[in-house]
Amino acid sequence: MRFEIILNMPTRGGFDKISEPIHRIIVEHPAKSLEDFVHVLMNYDFVIVEEFYPDPVTKAYKSHGLIALNHRYVGKIKQWDRKQ
């Protein structure tokens, strides 16, 4: 299942860019529901998820591999229903 997660941490910026105060990511996890995913986050400091970014040309979301997500920085989670 895919989720949109808002992290309470700045986005990565270039040398000449000011970072945004929050970081939005789209991830996929084998949880069957939002409730299941929250339960996993509550029980582990880090959770492995697959991260997705939109392609700059097609706008379709493509995998950028696995990341370890730390629950301490999660501010908001919602189920991601947007179709690729």
N, C-alpha and C. Protein backbone atom coordinates (compact mmCIF):
# COMPACT_ATOMS: atom_id res chain seq x y z
N MET A 1 0.85 -1.17 0.00
CA MET A 1 0.00 0.00 0.00
C MET A 1 0.90 1.24 0.00
N ARG A 2 0.50 2.26 -0.72
CA ARG A 2 1.27 3.50 -0.78
C ARG A 2 0.72 4.53 0.20
N PHE A 3 1.66 5.31 0.74
CA PHE A 3 1.32 6.35 1.69
C PHE A 3 2.07 7.63 1.36
N GLU A 4 1.40 8.75 1.62
CA GLU A 4 2.06 10.05 1.58
C GLU A 4 2.43 10.38 3.01
N ILE A 5 3.70 10.72 3.23
CA ILE A 5 4.16 11.01 4.58
C ILE A 5 4.78 12.41 4.60
N ILE A 6 4.37 13.20 5.58
CA ILE A 6 4.97 14.51 5.80
C ILE A 6 5.91 14.36 6.99
N LEU A 7 7.18 14.65 6.74
CA LEU A 7 8.20 14.55 7.78
C LEU A 7 8.52 15.93 8.33
N ASN A 8 8.70 16.01 9.63
CA ASN A 8 9.07 17.27 10.27
C ASN A 8 10.59 17.41 10.24
N MET A 9 11.09 17.61 9.03
CA MET A 9 12.51 17.81 8.80
C MET A 9 12.66 18.54 7.47
N PRO A 10 13.71 19.31 7.29
CA PRO A 10 13.85 20.06 6.05
C PRO A 10 14.15 19.16 4.86
N THR A 11 13.76 19.65 3.69
CA THR A 11 14.11 18.96 2.45
C THR A 11 15.57 19.22 2.14
N ARG A 12 16.11 18.38 1.30
CA ARG A 12 17.50 18.57 0.88
C ARG A 12 17.54 19.72 -0.11
N GLY A 13 18.41 20.67 0.10
CA GLY A 13 18.57 21.80 -0.80
C GLY A 13 19.97 21.85 -1.36
N GLY A 14 20.12 22.52 -2.47
CA GLY A 14 21.44 22.69 -3.06
C GLY A 14 22.23 23.74 -2.28
N PHE A 15 23.43 24.01 -2.74
CA PHE A 15 24.27 24.98 -2.06
C PHE A 15 23.67 26.38 -2.07
N ASP A 16 22.92 26.68 -3.12
CA ASP A 16 22.36 28.02 -3.25
C ASP A 16 20.86 28.06 -2.95
N LYS A 17 20.32 26.96 -2.42
CA LYS A 17 18.88 26.91 -2.13
C LYS A 17 18.63 26.85 -0.63
N ILE A 18 17.55 27.47 -0.22
CA ILE A 18 17.11 27.36 1.17
C ILE A 18 16.16 26.19 1.24
N SER A 19 16.37 25.30 2.21
CA SER A 19 15.53 24.12 2.35
C SER A 19 14.14 24.48 2.84
N GLU A 20 13.15 23.71 2.40
CA GLU A 20 11.79 23.85 2.91
C GLU A 20 11.76 23.25 4.32
N PRO A 21 10.89 23.74 5.21
CA PRO A 21 10.88 23.23 6.59
C PRO A 21 10.28 21.82 6.76
N ILE A 22 9.57 21.34 5.75
CA ILE A 22 9.01 19.98 5.83
C ILE A 22 9.43 19.18 4.61
N HIS A 23 9.31 17.88 4.74
CA HIS A 23 9.72 16.98 3.67
C HIS A 23 8.56 16.03 3.37
N ARG A 24 8.10 15.99 2.13
CA ARG A 24 6.99 15.13 1.71
C ARG A 24 7.56 13.98 0.91
N ILE A 25 7.18 12.75 1.30
CA ILE A 25 7.63 11.58 0.55
C ILE A 25 6.44 10.66 0.27
N ILE A 26 6.55 9.91 -0.83
CA ILE A 26 5.58 8.88 -1.18
C ILE A 26 6.31 7.55 -1.00
N VAL A 27 5.70 6.66 -0.21
CA VAL A 27 6.34 5.37 0.07
C VAL A 27 5.36 4.23 -0.11
N GLU A 28 5.92 3.04 -0.27
CA GLU A 28 5.10 1.82 -0.33
C GLU A 28 5.58 0.87 0.75
N HIS A 29 4.61 0.24 1.42
CA HIS A 29 4.88 -0.71 2.51
C HIS A 29 3.84 -1.82 2.40
N PRO A 30 4.18 -3.05 2.82
CA PRO A 30 3.21 -4.15 2.69
C PRO A 30 2.02 -4.09 3.65
N ALA A 31 1.90 -3.05 4.46
CA ALA A 31 0.75 -2.91 5.35
C ALA A 31 -0.54 -2.93 4.55
N LYS A 32 -1.59 -3.49 5.13
CA LYS A 32 -2.89 -3.61 4.46
C LYS A 32 -3.79 -2.39 4.65
N SER A 33 -3.42 -1.50 5.60
CA SER A 33 -4.23 -0.32 5.88
C SER A 33 -3.37 0.74 6.55
N LEU A 34 -3.90 1.93 6.66
CA LEU A 34 -3.23 3.00 7.38
C LEU A 34 -3.01 2.60 8.83
N GLU A 35 -4.02 1.98 9.43
CA GLU A 35 -3.92 1.55 10.82
C GLU A 35 -2.78 0.55 11.01
N ASP A 36 -2.65 -0.40 10.09
CA ASP A 36 -1.55 -1.38 10.16
C ASP A 36 -0.19 -0.70 10.05
N PHE A 37 -0.08 0.26 9.15
CA PHE A 37 1.18 0.96 8.97
C PHE A 37 1.55 1.76 10.23
N VAL A 38 0.58 2.43 10.82
CA VAL A 38 0.82 3.18 12.05
C VAL A 38 1.25 2.24 13.17
N HIS A 39 0.63 1.07 13.24
CA HIS A 39 1.01 0.08 14.25
C HIS A 39 2.48 -0.32 14.09
N VAL A 40 2.91 -0.54 12.85
CA VAL A 40 4.31 -0.88 12.59
C VAL A 40 5.22 0.26 13.04
N LEU A 41 4.87 1.50 12.69
CA LEU A 41 5.68 2.65 13.07
C LEU A 41 5.79 2.81 14.59
N MET A 42 4.71 2.49 15.29
CA MET A 42 4.71 2.62 16.75
C MET A 42 5.61 1.59 17.42
N ASN A 43 5.88 0.47 16.76
CA ASN A 43 6.63 -0.62 17.37
C ASN A 43 8.09 -0.71 16.97
N TYR A 44 8.51 0.08 15.97
CA TYR A 44 9.90 0.02 15.50
C TYR A 44 10.44 1.42 15.30
N ASP A 45 11.69 1.65 15.68
CA ASP A 45 12.30 2.96 15.46
C ASP A 45 12.48 3.26 13.98
N PHE A 46 12.83 2.22 13.20
CA PHE A 46 13.01 2.37 11.76
C PHE A 46 12.17 1.33 11.03
N VAL A 47 11.57 1.74 9.93
CA VAL A 47 10.76 0.85 9.10
C VAL A 47 11.29 0.97 7.67
N ILE A 48 11.48 -0.17 7.01
CA ILE A 48 11.94 -0.18 5.62
C ILE A 48 10.74 0.02 4.70
N VAL A 49 10.84 1.03 3.84
CA VAL A 49 9.79 1.34 2.86
C VAL A 49 10.45 1.59 1.51
N GLU A 50 9.66 1.48 0.45
CA GLU A 50 10.15 1.82 -0.89
C GLU A 50 9.70 3.24 -1.20
N GLU A 51 10.63 4.07 -1.62
CA GLU A 51 10.33 5.48 -1.87
C GLU A 51 10.09 5.71 -3.36
N PHE A 52 9.12 6.58 -3.68
CA PHE A 52 8.76 6.90 -5.06
C PHE A 52 8.84 8.40 -5.29
N TYR A 53 9.32 8.76 -6.49
CA TYR A 53 9.39 10.16 -6.93
C TYR A 53 8.73 10.27 -8.28
N PRO A 54 8.12 11.45 -8.57
CA PRO A 54 7.54 11.62 -9.91
C PRO A 54 8.63 11.85 -10.95
N ASP A 55 8.47 11.24 -12.10
CA ASP A 55 9.38 11.46 -13.21
C ASP A 55 9.16 12.89 -13.70
N PRO A 56 10.22 13.65 -13.92
CA PRO A 56 10.05 15.05 -14.34
C PRO A 56 9.35 15.22 -15.68
N VAL A 57 9.41 14.22 -16.53
CA VAL A 57 8.80 14.32 -17.87
C VAL A 57 7.39 13.74 -17.86
N THR A 58 7.26 12.47 -17.44
CA THR A 58 5.97 11.79 -17.51
C THR A 58 5.08 12.03 -16.31
N LYS A 59 5.66 12.46 -15.20
CA LYS A 59 4.95 12.67 -13.92
C LYS A 59 4.50 11.37 -13.26
N ALA A 60 4.79 10.21 -13.88
CA ALA A 60 4.48 8.92 -13.26
C ALA A 60 5.47 8.68 -12.13
N TYR A 61 4.98 8.10 -11.04
CA TYR A 61 5.84 7.85 -9.89
C TYR A 61 6.68 6.60 -10.12
N LYS A 62 8.01 6.75 -9.93
CA LYS A 62 8.94 5.65 -10.15
C LYS A 62 9.71 5.38 -8.86
N SER A 63 10.03 4.11 -8.65
CA SER A 63 10.76 3.71 -7.45
C SER A 63 12.16 4.29 -7.44
N HIS A 64 12.54 4.74 -6.26
CA HIS A 64 13.92 5.20 -6.03
C HIS A 64 14.58 4.32 -4.98
N GLY A 65 14.04 3.13 -4.78
CA GLY A 65 14.67 2.17 -3.89
C GLY A 65 14.15 2.21 -2.46
N LEU A 66 14.78 1.38 -1.66
CA LEU A 66 14.38 1.23 -0.26
C LEU A 66 15.05 2.28 0.61
N ILE A 67 14.31 2.73 1.63
CA ILE A 67 14.87 3.63 2.64
C ILE A 67 14.41 3.14 4.01
N ALA A 68 15.15 3.52 5.03
CA ALA A 68 14.76 3.26 6.41
C ALA A 68 14.12 4.54 6.94
N LEU A 69 12.85 4.46 7.30
CA LEU A 69 12.08 5.61 7.76
C LEU A 69 12.05 5.62 9.29
N ASN A 70 12.46 6.72 9.89
CA ASN A 70 12.44 6.86 11.35
C ASN A 70 11.13 7.51 11.77
N HIS A 71 10.38 6.85 12.63
CA HIS A 71 9.06 7.33 13.04
C HIS A 71 9.10 8.65 13.79
N ARG A 72 10.21 9.03 14.36
CA ARG A 72 10.29 10.25 15.18
C ARG A 72 10.07 11.53 14.39
N TYR A 73 10.24 11.47 13.08
CA TYR A 73 10.11 12.66 12.25
C TYR A 73 8.79 12.72 11.48
N VAL A 74 7.94 11.71 11.66
CA VAL A 74 6.67 11.67 10.94
C VAL A 74 5.68 12.62 11.59
N GLY A 75 5.13 13.52 10.78
CA GLY A 75 4.14 14.46 11.26
C GLY A 75 2.74 14.12 10.79
N LYS A 76 2.63 13.48 9.62
CA LYS A 76 1.31 13.18 9.05
C LYS A 76 1.48 12.05 8.04
N ILE A 77 0.49 11.15 8.02
CA ILE A 77 0.48 10.05 7.05
C ILE A 77 -0.93 9.94 6.49
N LYS A 78 -1.03 9.73 5.19
CA LYS A 78 -2.33 9.41 4.60
C LYS A 78 -2.13 8.39 3.50
N GLN A 79 -3.16 7.62 3.27
CA GLN A 79 -3.10 6.64 2.19
C GLN A 79 -2.99 7.38 0.88
N TRP A 80 -2.13 6.90 0.00
CA TRP A 80 -1.89 7.54 -1.29
C TRP A 80 -2.70 6.82 -2.35
N ASP A 81 -3.72 7.48 -2.87
CA ASP A 81 -4.62 6.85 -3.84
C ASP A 81 -4.35 7.29 -5.27
N ARG A 82 -3.41 8.19 -5.45
CA ARG A 82 -3.15 8.70 -6.80
C ARG A 82 -2.65 7.57 -7.71
N LYS A 83 -3.23 7.46 -8.86
CA LYS A 83 -2.84 6.44 -9.83
C LYS A 83 -1.57 6.86 -10.55
N GLN A 84 -0.76 5.87 -10.91
CA GLN A 84 0.47 6.16 -11.65
C GLN A 84 0.13 6.52 -13.09
